[in-house]
Amino acid sequence: MPVLSTMIVPAALVEQVRALAVSLAGDAAAGMWATGLSPDGSIPPTHYVSSGYIDEQFAELLSGPEGLAAATKLPLVEARLLLSSCIISNGAPFTVIADAGLQLSQEPME
């Protein structure tokens, strides 16, 4: 059964997380983490968010470093660091974003 997942990833890790997602879910994960976030809404983004329904099996992989390490062949310490650097919640996206002290990044209006 699909579950709602809002995932916020630091900009420094977004390429790695995107690649891992595609390796696990294939093309269905392409295009995730495209929306930039920052504390004041400015660019460049400090984080990226992806929110939507994901398969329960993928939600389980994100619930702890052991499952993520086994599925991706990441060393356990790296999986632990990766997950601890991200915000993964079943909350509504704008609530999770606000709770993290972030805003949507956008170009300043002239």
PDB file of N, CA and C in Angstrom:
ATOM      1  N   MET A   1       0.844  -1.177   0.000  1.00  0.00           N
ATOM      2  CA  MET A   1       0.000   0.000   0.000  1.00  0.00           C
ATOM      3  C   MET A   1       0.888   1.239   0.000  1.00  0.00           C
ATOM      4  N   PRO A   2       0.649   2.176  -0.886  1.00  0.00           N
ATOM      5  CA  PRO A   2       1.461   3.397  -0.925  1.00  0.00           C
ATOM      6  C   PRO A   2       1.296   4.228   0.346  1.00  0.00           C
ATOM      7  N   VAL A   3       2.391   4.887   0.728  1.00  0.00           N
ATOM      8  CA  VAL A   3       2.377   5.752   1.903  1.00  0.00           C
ATOM      9  C   VAL A   3       2.907   7.131   1.515  1.00  0.00           C
ATOM     10  N   LEU A   4       2.332   8.163   2.149  1.00  0.00           N
ATOM     11  CA  LEU A   4       2.801   9.520   1.904  1.00  0.00           C
ATOM     12  C   LEU A   4       4.168   9.693   2.537  1.00  0.00           C
ATOM     13  N   SER A   5       5.089  10.260   1.772  1.00  0.00           N
ATOM     14  CA  SER A   5       6.424  10.512   2.295  1.00  0.00           C
ATOM     15  C   SER A   5       6.901  11.874   1.817  1.00  0.00           C
ATOM     16  N   THR A   6       7.315  12.697   2.761  1.00  0.00           N
ATOM     17  CA  THR A   6       7.948  13.973   2.446  1.00  0.00           C
ATOM     18  C   THR A   6       9.403  13.847   2.861  1.00  0.00           C
ATOM     19  N   MET A   7      10.297  14.020   1.906  1.00  0.00           N
ATOM     20  CA  MET A   7      11.723  13.814   2.146  1.00  0.00           C
ATOM     21  C   MET A   7      12.492  15.074   1.786  1.00  0.00           C
ATOM     22  N   ILE A   8      13.222  15.599   2.765  1.00  0.00           N
ATOM     23  CA  ILE A   8      14.068  16.779   2.561  1.00  0.00           C
ATOM     24  C   ILE A   8      15.517  16.338   2.655  1.00  0.00           C
ATOM     25  N   VAL A   9      16.281  16.701   1.631  1.00  0.00           N
ATOM     26  CA  VAL A   9      17.669  16.265   1.500  1.00  0.00           C
ATOM     27  C   VAL A   9      18.575  17.496   1.396  1.00  0.00           C
ATOM     28  N   PRO A  10      19.691  17.532   2.127  1.00  0.00           N
ATOM     29  CA  PRO A  10      20.643  18.636   1.957  1.00  0.00           C
ATOM     30  C   PRO A  10      21.157  18.688   0.517  1.00  0.00           C
ATOM     31  N   ALA A  11      21.379  19.893   0.022  1.00  0.00           N
ATOM     32  CA  ALA A  11      21.850  20.067  -1.351  1.00  0.00           C
ATOM     33  C   ALA A  11      23.144  19.293  -1.605  1.00  0.00           C
ATOM     34  N   ALA A  12      23.998  19.210  -0.604  1.00  0.00           N
ATOM     35  CA  ALA A  12      25.275  18.507  -0.777  1.00  0.00           C
ATOM     36  C   ALA A  12      25.095  17.012  -1.040  1.00  0.00           C
ATOM     37  N   LEU A  13      23.943  16.458  -0.685  1.00  0.00           N
ATOM     38  CA  LEU A  13      23.702  15.022  -0.851  1.00  0.00           C
ATOM     39  C   LEU A  13      22.688  14.694  -1.939  1.00  0.00           C
ATOM     40  N   VAL A  14      22.104  15.702  -2.560  1.00  0.00           N
ATOM     41  CA  VAL A  14      20.971  15.454  -3.442  1.00  0.00           C
ATOM     42  C   VAL A  14      21.338  14.575  -4.639  1.00  0.00           C
ATOM     43  N   GLU A  15      22.487  14.741  -5.235  1.00  0.00           N
ATOM     44  CA  GLU A  15      22.858  13.908  -6.389  1.00  0.00           C
ATOM     45  C   GLU A  15      23.014  12.446  -5.976  1.00  0.00           C
ATOM     46  N   GLN A  16      23.621  12.206  -4.831  1.00  0.00           N
ATOM     47  CA  GLN A  16      23.789  10.834  -4.335  1.00  0.00           C
ATOM     48  C   GLN A  16      22.428  10.204  -4.046  1.00  0.00           C
ATOM     49  N   VAL A  17      21.550  10.959  -3.411  1.00  0.00           N
ATOM     50  CA  VAL A  17      20.229  10.441  -3.068  1.00  0.00           C
ATOM     51  C   VAL A  17      19.412  10.177  -4.331  1.00  0.00           C
ATOM     52  N   ARG A  18      19.490  11.066  -5.305  1.00  0.00           N
ATOM     53  CA  ARG A  18      18.786  10.837  -6.579  1.00  0.00           C
ATOM     54  C   ARG A  18      19.267   9.551  -7.243  1.00  0.00           C
ATOM     55  N   ALA A  19      20.573   9.355  -7.275  1.00  0.00           N
ATOM     56  CA  ALA A  19      21.128   8.153  -7.903  1.00  0.00           C
ATOM     57  C   ALA A  19      20.696   6.889  -7.157  1.00  0.00           C
ATOM     58  N   LEU A  20      20.694   6.936  -5.839  1.00  0.00           N
ATOM     59  CA  LEU A  20      20.243   5.782  -5.059  1.00  0.00           C
ATOM     60  C   LEU A  20      18.771   5.479  -5.321  1.00  0.00           C
ATOM     61  N   ALA A  21      17.955   6.521  -5.391  1.00  0.00           N
ATOM     62  CA  ALA A  21      16.525   6.327  -5.631  1.00  0.00           C
ATOM     63  C   ALA A  21      16.285   5.676  -6.988  1.00  0.00           C
ATOM     64  N   VAL A  22      16.980   6.134  -8.009  1.00  0.00           N
ATOM     65  CA  VAL A  22      16.821   5.550  -9.340  1.00  0.00           C
ATOM     66  C   VAL A  22      17.326   4.111  -9.360  1.00  0.00           C
ATOM     67  N   SER A  23      18.414   3.832  -8.628  1.00  0.00           N
ATOM     68  CA  SER A  23      18.929   2.454  -8.601  1.00  0.00           C
ATOM     69  C   SER A  23      17.941   1.511  -7.920  1.00  0.00           C
ATOM     70  N   LEU A  24      17.149   2.022  -6.991  1.00  0.00           N
ATOM     71  CA  LEU A  24      16.174   1.187  -6.276  1.00  0.00           C
ATOM     72  C   LEU A  24      14.822   1.115  -6.974  1.00  0.00           C
ATOM     73  N   ALA A  25      14.372   2.229  -7.538  1.00  0.00           N
ATOM     74  CA  ALA A  25      13.008   2.291  -8.065  1.00  0.00           C
ATOM     75  C   ALA A  25      12.939   2.494  -9.579  1.00  0.00           C
ATOM     76  N   GLY A  26      14.078   2.633 -10.214  1.00  0.00           N
ATOM     77  CA  GLY A  26      14.074   2.827 -11.655  1.00  0.00           C
ATOM     78  C   GLY A  26      13.555   4.199 -12.059  1.00  0.00           C
ATOM     79  N   ASP A  27      12.999   4.253 -13.252  1.00  0.00           N
ATOM     80  CA  ASP A  27      12.547   5.524 -13.813  1.00  0.00           C
ATOM     81  C   ASP A  27      11.472   6.206 -12.974  1.00  0.00           C
ATOM     82  N   ALA A  28      10.757   5.447 -12.157  1.00  0.00           N
ATOM     83  CA  ALA A  28       9.721   6.039 -11.301  1.00  0.00           C
ATOM     84  C   ALA A  28      10.318   7.073 -10.341  1.00  0.00           C
ATOM     85  N   ALA A  29      11.601   6.948 -10.039  1.00  0.00           N
ATOM     86  CA  ALA A  29      12.257   7.878  -9.108  1.00  0.00           C
ATOM     87  C   ALA A  29      12.956   9.027  -9.820  1.00  0.00           C
ATOM     88  N   ALA A  30      13.001   8.994 -11.138  1.00  0.00           N
ATOM     89  CA  ALA A  30      13.643  10.083 -11.881  1.00  0.00           C
ATOM     90  C   ALA A  30      12.867  11.371 -11.644  1.00  0.00           C
ATOM     91  N   GLY A  31      13.566  12.437 -11.427  1.00  0.00           N
ATOM     92  CA  GLY A  31      12.928  13.732 -11.230  1.00  0.00           C
ATOM     93  C   GLY A  31      12.593  14.057  -9.785  1.00  0.00           C
ATOM     94  N   MET A  32      12.950  13.179  -8.870  1.00  0.00           N
ATOM     95  CA  MET A  32      12.685  13.470  -7.457  1.00  0.00           C
ATOM     96  C   MET A  32      13.687  14.508  -6.955  1.00  0.00           C
ATOM     97  N   TRP A  33      13.315  15.193  -5.905  1.00  0.00           N
ATOM     98  CA  TRP A  33      14.133  16.224  -5.263  1.00  0.00           C
ATOM     99  C   TRP A  33      14.505  17.327  -6.258  1.00  0.00           C
ATOM    100  N   ALA A  34      13.489  17.862  -6.927  1.00  0.00           N
ATOM    101  CA  ALA A  34      13.707  18.944  -7.892  1.00  0.00           C
ATOM    102  C   ALA A  34      13.339  20.307  -7.319  1.00  0.00           C
ATOM    103  N   THR A  35      12.630  20.330  -6.209  1.00  0.00           N
ATOM    104  CA  THR A  35      12.175  21.588  -5.621  1.00  0.00           C
ATOM    105  C   THR A  35      13.162  22.046  -4.556  1.00  0.00           C
ATOM    106  N   GLY A  36      13.768  23.199  -4.803  1.00  0.00           N
ATOM    107  CA  GLY A  36      14.768  23.732  -3.891  1.00  0.00           C
ATOM    108  C   GLY A  36      14.155  24.437  -2.694  1.00  0.00           C
ATOM    109  N   LEU A  37      14.876  24.373  -1.579  1.00  0.00           N
ATOM    110  CA  LEU A  37      14.478  25.014  -0.335  1.00  0.00           C
ATOM    111  C   LEU A  37      15.678  25.751   0.249  1.00  0.00           C
ATOM    112  N   SER A  38      15.394  26.779   1.033  1.00  0.00           N
ATOM    113  CA  SER A  38      16.433  27.438   1.811  1.00  0.00           C
ATOM    114  C   SER A  38      15.774  28.124   3.006  1.00  0.00           C
ATOM    115  N   PRO A  39      16.555  28.506   4.008  1.00  0.00           N
ATOM    116  CA  PRO A  39      15.964  29.121   5.198  1.00  0.00           C
ATOM    117  C   PRO A  39      15.174  30.402   4.915  1.00  0.00           C
ATOM    118  N   ASP A  40      15.623  31.192   3.946  1.00  0.00           N
ATOM    119  CA  ASP A  40      14.932  32.451   3.661  1.00  0.00           C
ATOM    120  C   ASP A  40      14.273  32.482   2.284  1.00  0.00           C
ATOM    121  N   GLY A  41      14.240  31.347   1.596  1.00  0.00           N
ATOM    122  CA  GLY A  41      13.618  31.284   0.280  1.00  0.00           C
ATOM    123  C   GLY A  41      14.509  31.744  -0.856  1.00  0.00           C
ATOM    124  N   SER A  42      15.763  32.057  -0.546  1.00  0.00           N
ATOM    125  CA  SER A  42      16.677  32.539  -1.589  1.00  0.00           C
ATOM    126  C   SER A  42      17.329  31.360  -2.321  1.00  0.00           C
ATOM    127  N   ILE A  43      18.027  31.696  -3.377  1.00  0.00           N
ATOM    128  CA  ILE A  43      18.814  30.693  -4.080  1.00  0.00           C
ATOM    129  C   ILE A  43      20.280  31.008  -3.833  1.00  0.00           C
ATOM    130  N   PRO A  44      21.174  30.072  -3.905  1.00  0.00           N
ATOM    131  CA  PRO A  44      20.926  28.679  -4.252  1.00  0.00           C
ATOM    132  C   PRO A  44      20.265  27.920  -3.101  1.00  0.00           C
ATOM    133  N   PRO A  45      19.563  26.856  -3.438  1.00  0.00           N
ATOM    134  CA  PRO A  45      18.916  26.058  -2.410  1.00  0.00           C
ATOM    135  C   PRO A  45      19.935  25.393  -1.488  1.00  0.00           C
ATOM    136  N   THR A  46      19.566  25.279  -0.235  1.00  0.00           N
ATOM    137  CA  THR A  46      20.388  24.537   0.726  1.00  0.00           C
ATOM    138  C   THR A  46      19.889  23.110   0.877  1.00  0.00           C
ATOM    139  N   HIS A  47      18.649  22.870   0.438  1.00  0.00           N
ATOM    140  CA  HIS A  47      17.999  21.572   0.544  1.00  0.00           C
ATOM    141  C   HIS A  47      17.076  21.380  -0.663  1.00  0.00           C
ATOM    142  N   TYR A  48      16.638  20.138  -0.833  1.00  0.00           N
ATOM    143  CA  TYR A  48      15.649  19.814  -1.853  1.00  0.00           C
ATOM    144  C   TYR A  48      14.591  18.932  -1.224  1.00  0.00           C
ATOM    145  N   VAL A  49      13.350  19.070  -1.707  1.00  0.00           N
ATOM    146  CA  VAL A  49      12.239  18.291  -1.165  1.00  0.00           C
ATOM    147  C   VAL A  49      11.580  17.479  -2.267  1.00  0.00           C
ATOM    148  N   SER A  50      11.111  16.322  -1.870  1.00  0.00           N
ATOM    149  CA  SER A  50      10.268  15.492  -2.721  1.00  0.00           C
ATOM    150  C   SER A  50       9.161  14.958  -1.836  1.00  0.00           C
ATOM    151  N   SER A  51       7.951  15.022  -2.329  1.00  0.00           N
ATOM    152  CA  SER A  51       6.827  14.560  -1.537  1.00  0.00           C
ATOM    153  C   SER A  51       5.822  13.860  -2.438  1.00  0.00           C
ATOM    154  N   GLY A  52       5.270  12.794  -1.931  1.00  0.00           N
ATOM    155  CA  GLY A  52       4.261  12.051  -2.678  1.00  0.00           C
ATOM    156  C   GLY A  52       4.136  10.658  -2.102  1.00  0.00           C
ATOM    157  N   TYR A  53       3.360   9.859  -2.767  1.00  0.00           N
ATOM    158  CA  TYR A  53       3.145   8.494  -2.308  1.00  0.00           C
ATOM    159  C   TYR A  53       4.231   7.579  -2.864  1.00  0.00           C
ATOM    160  N   ILE A  54       4.803   6.772  -1.977  1.00  0.00           N
ATOM    161  CA  ILE A  54       5.810   5.791  -2.376  1.00  0.00           C
ATOM    162  C   ILE A  54       5.344   4.422  -1.904  1.00  0.00           C
ATOM    163  N   ASP A  55       5.847   3.388  -2.559  1.00  0.00           N
ATOM    164  CA  ASP A  55       5.505   2.026  -2.153  1.00  0.00           C
ATOM    165  C   ASP A  55       5.971   1.776  -0.733  1.00  0.00           C
ATOM    166  N   GLU A  56       5.203   1.008  -0.019  1.00  0.00           N
ATOM    167  CA  GLU A  56       5.519   0.692   1.375  1.00  0.00           C
ATOM    168  C   GLU A  56       6.906   0.063   1.513  1.00  0.00           C
ATOM    169  N   GLN A  57       7.309  -0.736   0.527  1.00  0.00           N
ATOM    170  CA  GLN A  57       8.627  -1.379   0.599  1.00  0.00           C
ATOM    171  C   GLN A  57       9.749  -0.345   0.611  1.00  0.00           C
ATOM    172  N   PHE A  58       9.577   0.764  -0.113  1.00  0.00           N
ATOM    173  CA  PHE A  58      10.596   1.807  -0.112  1.00  0.00           C
ATOM    174  C   PHE A  58      10.556   2.597   1.191  1.00  0.00           C
ATOM    175  N   ALA A  59       9.373   2.818   1.723  1.00  0.00           N
ATOM    176  CA  ALA A  59       9.255   3.491   3.012  1.00  0.00           C
ATOM    177  C   ALA A  59       9.965   2.684   4.093  1.00  0.00           C
ATOM    178  N   GLU A  60       9.854   1.375   4.031  1.00  0.00           N
ATOM    179  CA  GLU A  60      10.535   0.517   5.004  1.00  0.00           C
ATOM    180  C   GLU A  60      12.049   0.639   4.885  1.00  0.00           C
ATOM    181  N   LEU A  61      12.556   0.757   3.663  1.00  0.00           N
ATOM    182  CA  LEU A  61      14.001   0.917   3.463  1.00  0.00           C
ATOM    183  C   LEU A  61      14.511   2.198   4.107  1.00  0.00           C
ATOM    184  N   LEU A  62      13.654   3.210   4.140  1.00  0.00           N
ATOM    185  CA  LEU A  62      14.050   4.502   4.693  1.00  0.00           C
ATOM    186  C   LEU A  62      13.858   4.595   6.197  1.00  0.00           C
ATOM    187  N   SER A  63      13.300   3.549   6.794  1.00  0.00           N
ATOM    188  CA  SER A  63      13.009   3.592   8.223  1.00  0.00           C
ATOM    189  C   SER A  63      14.233   3.290   9.093  1.00  0.00           C
ATOM    190  N   GLY A  64      15.306   2.814   8.497  1.00  0.00           N
ATOM    191  CA  GLY A  64      16.510   2.537   9.269  1.00  0.00           C
ATOM    192  C   GLY A  64      17.695   2.272   8.369  1.00  0.00           C
ATOM    193  N   PRO A  65      18.895   2.497   8.863  1.00  0.00           N
ATOM    194  CA  PRO A  65      20.089   2.360   8.027  1.00  0.00           C
ATOM    195  C   PRO A  65      20.380   0.922   7.592  1.00  0.00           C
ATOM    196  N   GLU A  66      19.974  -0.051   8.377  1.00  0.00           N
ATOM    197  CA  GLU A  66      20.281  -1.442   8.026  1.00  0.00           C
ATOM    198  C   GLU A  66      19.621  -1.835   6.703  1.00  0.00           C
ATOM    199  N   GLY A  67      18.329  -1.508   6.561  1.00  0.00           N
ATOM    200  CA  GLY A  67      17.624  -1.838   5.327  1.00  0.00           C
ATOM    201  C   GLY A  67      18.170  -1.090   4.132  1.00  0.00           C
ATOM    202  N   LEU A  68      18.474   0.183   4.329  1.00  0.00           N
ATOM    203  CA  LEU A  68      19.031   0.982   3.238  1.00  0.00           C
ATOM    204  C   LEU A  68      20.395   0.449   2.812  1.00  0.00           C
ATOM    205  N   ALA A  69      21.224   0.102   3.785  1.00  0.00           N
ATOM    206  CA  ALA A  69      22.555  -0.431   3.472  1.00  0.00           C
ATOM    207  C   ALA A  69      22.443  -1.747   2.704  1.00  0.00           C
ATOM    208  N   ALA A  70      21.544  -2.610   3.134  1.00  0.00           N
ATOM    209  CA  ALA A  70      21.392  -3.905   2.464  1.00  0.00           C
ATOM    210  C   ALA A  70      20.880  -3.746   1.033  1.00  0.00           C
ATOM    211  N   ALA A  71      19.953  -2.819   0.823  1.00  0.00           N
ATOM    212  CA  ALA A  71      19.358  -2.641  -0.503  1.00  0.00           C
ATOM    213  C   ALA A  71      20.267  -1.918  -1.476  1.00  0.00           C
ATOM    214  N   THR A  72      21.155  -1.084  -0.967  1.00  0.00           N
ATOM    215  CA  THR A  72      21.979  -0.250  -1.846  1.00  0.00           C
ATOM    216  C   THR A  72      23.453  -0.618  -1.851  1.00  0.00           C
ATOM    217  N   LYS A  73      23.842  -1.490  -0.970  1.00  0.00           N
ATOM    218  CA  LYS A  73      25.252  -1.883  -0.818  1.00  0.00           C
ATOM    219  C   LYS A  73      26.104  -0.756  -0.232  1.00  0.00           C
ATOM    220  N   LEU A  74      25.454   0.249   0.365  1.00  0.00           N
ATOM    221  CA  LEU A  74      26.203   1.281   1.087  1.00  0.00           C
ATOM    222  C   LEU A  74      26.743   0.679   2.375  1.00  0.00           C
ATOM    223  N   PRO A  75      27.906   1.089   2.805  1.00  0.00           N
ATOM    224  CA  PRO A  75      28.353   0.684   4.138  1.00  0.00           C
ATOM    225  C   PRO A  75      27.343   1.199   5.172  1.00  0.00           C
ATOM    226  N   LEU A  76      27.140   0.451   6.234  1.00  0.00           N
ATOM    227  CA  LEU A  76      26.163   0.807   7.249  1.00  0.00           C
ATOM    228  C   LEU A  76      26.402   2.212   7.797  1.00  0.00           C
ATOM    229  N   VAL A  77      27.651   2.560   8.042  1.00  0.00           N
ATOM    230  CA  VAL A  77      27.951   3.884   8.592  1.00  0.00           C
ATOM    231  C   VAL A  77      27.533   4.981   7.613  1.00  0.00           C
ATOM    232  N   GLU A  78      27.700   4.751   6.321  1.00  0.00           N
ATOM    233  CA  GLU A  78      27.304   5.738   5.317  1.00  0.00           C
ATOM    234  C   GLU A  78      25.775   5.834   5.218  1.00  0.00           C
ATOM    235  N   ALA A  79      25.097   4.699   5.290  1.00  0.00           N
ATOM    236  CA  ALA A  79      23.631   4.704   5.268  1.00  0.00           C
ATOM    237  C   ALA A  79      23.087   5.447   6.488  1.00  0.00           C
ATOM    238  N   ARG A  80      23.713   5.229   7.627  1.00  0.00           N
ATOM    239  CA  ARG A  80      23.294   5.905   8.858  1.00  0.00           C
ATOM    240  C   ARG A  80      23.492   7.422   8.717  1.00  0.00           C
ATOM    241  N   LEU A  81      24.633   7.835   8.202  1.00  0.00           N
ATOM    242  CA  LEU A  81      24.918   9.260   8.014  1.00  0.00           C
ATOM    243  C   LEU A  81      23.948   9.881   7.014  1.00  0.00           C
ATOM    244  N   LEU A  82      23.684   9.184   5.941  1.00  0.00           N
ATOM    245  CA  LEU A  82      22.773   9.681   4.916  1.00  0.00           C
ATOM    246  C   LEU A  82      21.374   9.903   5.494  1.00  0.00           C
ATOM    247  N   LEU A  83      20.849   8.903   6.174  1.00  0.00           N
ATOM    248  CA  LEU A  83      19.507   9.031   6.741  1.00  0.00           C
ATOM    249  C   LEU A  83      19.440  10.098   7.831  1.00  0.00           C
ATOM    250  N   SER A  84      20.485  10.207   8.620  1.00  0.00           N
ATOM    251  CA  SER A  84      20.467  11.201   9.701  1.00  0.00           C
ATOM    252  C   SER A  84      20.588  12.627   9.167  1.00  0.00           C
ATOM    253  N   SER A  85      21.052  12.776   7.934  1.00  0.00           N
ATOM    254  CA  SER A  85      21.186  14.097   7.317  1.00  0.00           C
ATOM    255  C   SER A  85      19.899  14.563   6.644  1.00  0.00           C
ATOM    256  N   CYS A  86      18.959  13.642   6.483  1.00  0.00           N
ATOM    257  CA  CYS A  86      17.718  13.931   5.772  1.00  0.00           C
ATOM    258  C   CYS A  86      16.543  13.987   6.741  1.00  0.00           C
ATOM    259  N   ILE A  87      15.488  14.642   6.297  1.00  0.00           N
ATOM    260  CA  ILE A  87      14.230  14.645   7.038  1.00  0.00           C
ATOM    261  C   ILE A  87      13.268  13.777   6.245  1.00  0.00           C
ATOM    262  N   ILE A  88      12.766  12.735   6.867  1.00  0.00           N
ATOM    263  CA  ILE A  88      11.824  11.824   6.225  1.00  0.00           C
ATOM    264  C   ILE A  88      10.599  11.754   7.123  1.00  0.00           C
ATOM    265  N   SER A  89       9.456  12.142   6.572  1.00  0.00           N
ATOM    266  CA  SER A  89       8.246  12.269   7.368  1.00  0.00           C
ATOM    267  C   SER A  89       7.034  11.830   6.562  1.00  0.00           C
ATOM    268  N   ASN A  90       6.010  11.406   7.259  1.00  0.00           N
ATOM    269  CA  ASN A  90       4.745  11.124   6.582  1.00  0.00           C
ATOM    270  C   ASN A  90       3.803  12.325   6.686  1.00  0.00           C
ATOM    271  N   GLY A  91       4.351  13.469   7.079  1.00  0.00           N
ATOM    272  CA  GLY A  91       3.566  14.692   7.206  1.00  0.00           C
ATOM    273  C   GLY A  91       3.350  15.380   5.871  1.00  0.00           C
ATOM    274  N   ALA A  92       2.407  16.312   5.879  1.00  0.00           N
ATOM    275  CA  ALA A  92       2.119  17.107   4.684  1.00  0.00           C
ATOM    276  C   ALA A  92       3.344  17.945   4.320  1.00  0.00           C
ATOM    277  N   PRO A  93       3.640  18.082   3.035  1.00  0.00           N
ATOM    278  CA  PRO A  93       4.887  18.727   2.623  1.00  0.00           C
ATOM    279  C   PRO A  93       5.116  20.127   3.190  1.00  0.00           C
ATOM    280  N   PHE A  94       4.124  21.001   3.117  1.00  0.00           N
ATOM    281  CA  PHE A  94       4.372  22.365   3.578  1.00  0.00           C
ATOM    282  C   PHE A  94       4.533  22.432   5.090  1.00  0.00           C
ATOM    283  N   THR A  95       3.925  21.512   5.802  1.00  0.00           N
ATOM    284  CA  THR A  95       4.108  21.445   7.253  1.00  0.00           C
ATOM    285  C   THR A  95       5.527  20.989   7.575  1.00  0.00           C
ATOM    286  N   VAL A  96       5.996  19.962   6.897  1.00  0.00           N
ATOM    287  CA  VAL A  96       7.344  19.439   7.127  1.00  0.00           C
ATOM    288  C   VAL A  96       8.388  20.495   6.759  1.00  0.00           C
ATOM    289  N   ILE A  97       8.165  21.182   5.643  1.00  0.00           N
ATOM    290  CA  ILE A  97       9.088  22.240   5.212  1.00  0.00           C
ATOM    291  C   ILE A  97       9.155  23.346   6.269  1.00  0.00           C
ATOM    292  N   ALA A  98       7.999  23.797   6.733  1.00  0.00           N
ATOM    293  CA  ALA A  98       7.959  24.867   7.747  1.00  0.00           C
ATOM    294  C   ALA A  98       8.592  24.401   9.053  1.00  0.00           C
ATOM    295  N   ASP A  99       8.299  23.170   9.465  1.00  0.00           N
ATOM    296  CA  ASP A  99       8.874  22.641  10.702  1.00  0.00           C
ATOM    297  C   ASP A  99      10.401  22.565  10.631  1.00  0.00           C
ATOM    298  N   ALA A 100      10.930  22.400   9.418  1.00  0.00           N
ATOM    299  CA  ALA A 100      12.382  22.343   9.218  1.00  0.00           C
ATOM    300  C   ALA A 100      13.000  23.739   9.142  1.00  0.00           C
ATOM    301  N   GLY A 101      12.161  24.765   9.187  1.00  0.00           N
ATOM    302  CA  GLY A 101      12.677  26.133   9.098  1.00  0.00           C
ATOM    303  C   GLY A 101      13.091  26.509   7.691  1.00  0.00           C
ATOM    304  N   LEU A 102      12.441  25.913   6.702  1.00  0.00           N
ATOM    305  CA  LEU A 102      12.800  26.154   5.308  1.00  0.00           C
ATOM    306  C   LEU A 102      11.628  26.739   4.538  1.00  0.00           C
ATOM    307  N   GLN A 103      11.945  27.307   3.377  1.00  0.00           N
ATOM    308  CA  GLN A 103      10.956  27.866   2.466  1.00  0.00           C
ATOM    309  C   GLN A 103      11.322  27.448   1.047  1.00  0.00           C
ATOM    310  N   LEU A 104      10.350  27.511   0.140  1.00  0.00           N
ATOM    311  CA  LEU A 104      10.646  27.245  -1.260  1.00  0.00           C
ATOM    312  C   LEU A 104      11.630  28.278  -1.776  1.00  0.00           C
ATOM    313  N   SER A 105      12.662  27.845  -2.474  1.00  0.00           N
ATOM    314  CA  SER A 105      13.657  28.751  -3.056  1.00  0.00           C
ATOM    315  C   SER A 105      13.120  29.322  -4.356  1.00  0.00           C
ATOM    316  N   GLN A 106      13.343  30.594  -4.551  1.00  0.00           N
ATOM    317  CA  GLN A 106      12.924  31.218  -5.797  1.00  0.00           C
ATOM    318  C   GLN A 106      13.788  32.427  -6.105  1.00  0.00           C
ATOM    319  N   GLU A 107      13.829  32.731  -7.389  1.00  0.00           N
ATOM    320  CA  GLU A 107      14.563  33.907  -7.845  1.00  0.00           C
ATOM    321  C   GLU A 107      13.904  35.151  -7.265  1.00  0.00           C
ATOM    322  N   PRO A 108      14.686  36.142  -6.827  1.00  0.00           N
ATOM    323  CA  PRO A 108      14.078  37.375  -6.338  1.00  0.00           C
ATOM    324  C   PRO A 108      13.367  38.105  -7.477  1.00  0.00           C
ATOM    325  N   MET A 109      12.254  38.720  -7.140  1.00  0.00           N
ATOM    326  CA  MET A 109      11.511  39.496  -8.130  1.00  0.00           C
ATOM    327  C   MET A 109      12.182  40.852  -8.298  1.00  0.00           C
ATOM    328  N   GLU A 110      12.235  41.330  -9.518  1.00  0.00           N
ATOM    329  CA  GLU A 110      12.876  42.628  -9.776  1.00  0.00           C
ATOM    330  C   GLU A 110      11.862  43.704  -9.912  1.00  0.00           C
TER     331      GLU A 110
END
